[in-house]
């Protein structure tokens, strides 16, 4: 199992180089998972991209978990929980193969200085890139004791922080869910799969 690769710069910033550890639904799914399993629904067989120019959040935790797809396949994921988050220039894209050919879905929101917002946000991801700053971070805590409502399994590696700020966010995910997700200025379009967030 691999965990987040973190490097600390002289300015005290922490850069997430990558978070290799997998859950697909769209950004509009509701309901926060309780406990170690990241989602209470069977995920699809496709990952999707999430991008944002800036994410600001409070109440952050991260640990490893497993999600099961509709065919019984298991995917290892890094589960990120954020109690309250805003996302500027939010983008989500997914590409699916259908009997009629390749179909893409592109969702955008939170532009023009009016960021999207989420409460009790939980993301099951396989990769994350961006420049991140954490406030009061704890690395190496037991996943069952993180400072978030959703927790991981006892004895597993985890990290948490009071605040998180990530610029130039690029994320590969299997799932996203929230108790409330407000997508200001949302637009959705079907594509031929050639357009993606990054």
Protein backbone atom coordinates (compact mmCIF):
# COMPACT_ATOMS: atom_id res chain seq x y z
CA UNK A 1 0.00 0.00 0.00
CA UNK A 2 1.36 3.40 -0.94
CA UNK A 3 0.45 6.54 0.88
CA UNK A 4 0.67 10.25 0.10
CA UNK A 5 4.07 11.52 -0.90
CA UNK A 6 4.70 14.78 0.94
CA UNK A 7 7.58 17.19 0.71
CA UNK A 8 7.90 20.30 2.84
CA UNK A 9 9.34 23.46 1.29
CA UNK A 10 11.24 26.27 3.03
CA UNK A 11 8.10 28.37 3.05
CA UNK A 12 6.34 25.77 5.14
CA UNK A 13 4.15 24.63 2.27
CA UNK A 14 3.40 20.98 1.76
CA UNK A 15 3.14 19.75 -1.82
CA UNK A 16 1.07 16.68 -2.62
CA UNK A 17 3.10 15.04 -5.33
CA UNK A 18 0.67 12.16 -5.72
CA UNK A 19 -1.76 10.09 -3.76
CA UNK A 20 -1.64 6.66 -5.35
CA UNK A 21 -4.33 4.73 -3.62
CA UNK A 22 -9.50 3.93 -5.90
CA UNK A 23 -14.69 4.89 -5.96
CA UNK A 24 -17.58 6.47 -9.74
CA UNK A 25 -20.38 8.58 -9.00
CA UNK A 26 -20.86 12.19 -10.01
CA UNK A 27 -20.29 15.29 -7.93
CA UNK A 28 -23.99 15.47 -7.12
CA UNK A 29 -24.26 12.33 -4.96
CA UNK A 30 -25.40 12.86 -1.37
CA UNK A 31 -24.81 11.11 1.93
CA UNK A 32 -21.67 10.90 4.00
CA UNK A 33 -20.13 7.51 4.68
CA UNK A 34 -19.74 6.47 8.28
CA UNK A 35 -16.76 4.29 9.12
CA UNK A 36 -13.94 2.77 7.13
CA UNK A 37 -15.84 1.97 3.92
CA UNK A 38 -15.75 5.14 1.82
CA UNK A 39 -19.13 4.80 0.12
CA UNK A 40 -22.42 3.02 0.70
CA UNK A 41 -23.08 2.44 -3.00
CA UNK A 42 -21.52 0.17 -5.62
CA UNK A 43 -19.26 2.23 -7.83
CA UNK A 44 -19.20 2.08 -11.62
CA UNK A 45 -16.30 0.76 -13.65
CA UNK A 46 -14.98 4.17 -14.67
CA UNK A 47 -12.84 6.72 -12.91
CA UNK A 48 -13.32 10.45 -13.45
CA UNK A 49 -11.30 13.63 -13.27
CA UNK A 50 -11.84 16.51 -10.85
CA UNK A 51 -10.01 19.78 -11.33
CA UNK A 52 -10.14 23.14 -9.55
CA UNK A 53 -7.99 26.24 -9.56
CA UNK A 54 -8.34 26.44 -5.77
CA UNK A 55 -9.74 24.29 -2.97
CA UNK A 56 -10.13 25.71 0.53
CA UNK A 57 -11.28 23.39 3.30
CA UNK A 58 -11.58 22.80 7.03
CA UNK A 59 -11.67 19.55 8.96
CA UNK A 60 -9.45 17.43 6.70
CA UNK A 61 -8.52 13.76 7.10
CA UNK A 62 -7.10 11.11 4.79
CA UNK A 63 -6.60 7.36 5.03
CA UNK A 64 -6.74 4.21 2.89
CA UNK A 65 -9.88 2.21 2.11
CA UNK A 66 -11.53 -0.15 -0.34
CA UNK A 67 -14.52 0.40 -2.62
CA UNK A 68 -16.45 -2.35 -4.41
CA UNK A 69 -17.88 -1.94 -7.89
CA UNK A 70 -21.15 -3.35 -9.21
CA UNK A 71 -19.40 -6.50 -10.50
CA UNK A 72 -17.77 -7.25 -7.14
CA UNK A 73 -14.34 -5.88 -8.02
CA UNK A 74 -12.46 -4.14 -5.22
CA UNK A 75 -10.53 -0.91 -5.67
CA UNK A 76 -7.97 0.45 -3.23
CA UNK A 77 -8.57 4.15 -2.61
CA UNK A 78 -7.24 7.09 -0.68
CA UNK A 79 -10.22 8.51 1.18
CA UNK A 80 -10.17 12.27 1.75
CA UNK A 81 -12.72 13.86 4.08
CA UNK A 82 -13.29 17.62 4.25
CA UNK A 83 -15.90 19.00 6.65
CA UNK A 84 -16.42 22.21 4.69
CA UNK A 85 -14.92 23.07 1.30
CA UNK A 86 -15.05 25.65 -1.46
CA UNK A 87 -13.79 24.91 -4.98
CA UNK A 88 -13.04 27.60 -7.55
CA UNK A 89 -13.33 26.81 -11.26
CA UNK A 90 -14.51 23.29 -10.54
CA UNK A 91 -14.39 20.78 -13.39
CA UNK A 92 -15.45 17.15 -13.59
CA UNK A 93 -15.06 14.92 -16.64
CA UNK A 94 -15.73 11.26 -17.27
CA UNK A 95 -15.46 9.17 -20.43
CA UNK A 96 -17.60 6.07 -20.95
CA UNK A 97 -17.72 3.49 -23.72
CA UNK A 98 -21.31 2.79 -24.82
CA UNK A 99 -22.89 0.67 -27.58
CA UNK A 100 -23.14 3.92 -29.56
CA UNK A 101 -19.47 4.78 -29.10
CA UNK A 102 -17.44 6.94 -26.74
CA UNK A 103 -19.42 9.45 -24.69
CA UNK A 104 -17.97 12.07 -22.38
CA UNK A 105 -19.65 14.16 -19.69
CA UNK A 106 -18.12 17.51 -18.79
CA UNK A 107 -19.39 19.46 -15.77
CA UNK A 108 -18.15 22.91 -14.81
CA UNK A 109 -19.12 25.16 -11.89
CA UNK A 110 -17.77 27.67 -9.42
CA UNK A 111 -16.31 30.18 -11.87
CA UNK A 112 -16.33 33.96 -11.95
CA UNK A 113 -15.36 34.37 -8.31
CA UNK A 114 -18.35 32.34 -7.07
CA UNK A 115 -16.86 29.02 -5.97
CA UNK A 116 -18.79 25.80 -5.56
CA UNK A 117 -19.19 24.64 -1.96
CA UNK A 118 -19.59 21.32 -0.19
CA UNK A 119 -20.33 20.10 3.32
CA UNK A 120 -19.12 16.73 4.62
CA UNK A 121 -17.24 16.10 1.38
CA UNK A 122 -15.72 12.67 0.90
CA UNK A 123 -13.66 11.61 -2.11
CA UNK A 124 -12.35 8.13 -2.99
CA UNK A 125 -9.36 8.74 -5.22
CA UNK A 126 -6.42 7.08 -6.91
CA UNK A 127 -4.35 10.19 -7.66
CA UNK A 128 -3.97 13.81 -6.61
CA UNK A 129 -1.68 16.59 -7.77
CA UNK A 130 -1.46 20.18 -6.61
CA UNK A 131 0.29 22.59 -4.25
CA UNK A 132 -1.18 22.18 -0.77
CA UNK A 133 -0.84 23.96 2.54
CA UNK A 134 -2.08 22.29 5.73
CA UNK A 135 -2.84 23.98 9.05
CA UNK A 136 -1.96 21.97 12.18
CA UNK A 137 -1.29 18.78 10.24
CA UNK A 138 -0.71 15.43 11.93
CA UNK A 139 0.93 12.73 9.79
CA UNK A 140 1.02 9.09 10.85
CA UNK A 141 -1.98 9.08 13.19
CA UNK A 142 -4.15 5.98 13.61
CA UNK A 143 -6.91 6.11 10.99
CA UNK A 144 -9.56 5.27 13.60
CA UNK A 145 -8.68 8.43 15.57
CA UNK A 146 -8.64 11.11 12.85
CA UNK A 147 -10.40 14.39 13.56
CA UNK A 148 -13.32 13.77 11.20
CA UNK A 149 -16.70 12.07 11.55
CA UNK A 150 -15.77 9.40 9.01
CA UNK A 151 -12.81 7.33 10.14
CA UNK A 152 -10.60 4.56 8.81
CA UNK A 153 -9.63 1.18 10.25
CA UNK A 154 -7.74 0.89 13.54
CA UNK A 155 -4.00 0.59 13.01
CA UNK A 156 -4.00 2.06 9.49
CA UNK A 157 -1.86 5.06 8.55
CA UNK A 158 -3.67 8.40 8.31
CA UNK A 159 -3.21 12.15 8.44
CA UNK A 160 -5.45 15.02 9.42
CA UNK A 161 -5.35 18.79 9.70
CA UNK A 162 -7.51 21.71 10.79
CA UNK A 163 -7.34 23.34 7.35
CA UNK A 164 -6.27 22.46 3.81
CA UNK A 165 -5.64 24.70 0.82
CA UNK A 166 -4.80 23.22 -2.59
CA UNK A 167 -4.12 25.20 -5.75
CA UNK A 168 -4.10 23.73 -9.26
CA UNK A 169 -5.97 20.65 -8.06
CA UNK A 170 -5.93 17.62 -10.37
CA UNK A 171 -7.57 14.49 -9.06
CA UNK A 172 -8.47 11.03 -10.35
CA UNK A 173 -11.38 9.56 -8.40
CA UNK A 174 -13.86 6.72 -8.22
CA UNK A 175 -16.40 8.63 -6.12
CA UNK A 176 -17.39 11.94 -4.62
CA UNK A 177 -20.17 12.46 -2.12
CA UNK A 178 -21.34 15.20 0.21
CA UNK A 179 -24.23 15.98 2.50
CA UNK A 180 -24.70 19.22 0.51
CA UNK A 181 -22.95 20.15 -2.76
CA UNK A 182 -23.75 23.57 -4.21
CA UNK A 183 -22.58 23.99 -7.82
CA UNK A 184 -22.86 27.69 -8.64
CA UNK A 185 -23.15 28.46 -12.35
CA UNK A 186 -23.16 24.79 -13.27
CA UNK A 187 -22.98 23.68 -16.89
CA UNK A 188 -23.13 20.12 -18.19
CA UNK A 189 -22.43 18.94 -21.71
CA UNK A 190 -22.08 15.65 -23.52
CA UNK A 191 -18.91 15.33 -25.58
CA UNK A 192 -17.23 12.78 -27.82
CA UNK A 193 -14.70 12.11 -25.07
CA UNK A 194 -12.02 14.42 -26.44
CA UNK A 195 -12.57 17.07 -23.73
CA UNK A 196 -11.30 16.53 -20.20
CA UNK A 197 -10.46 18.62 -17.14
CA UNK A 198 -6.71 18.04 -17.51
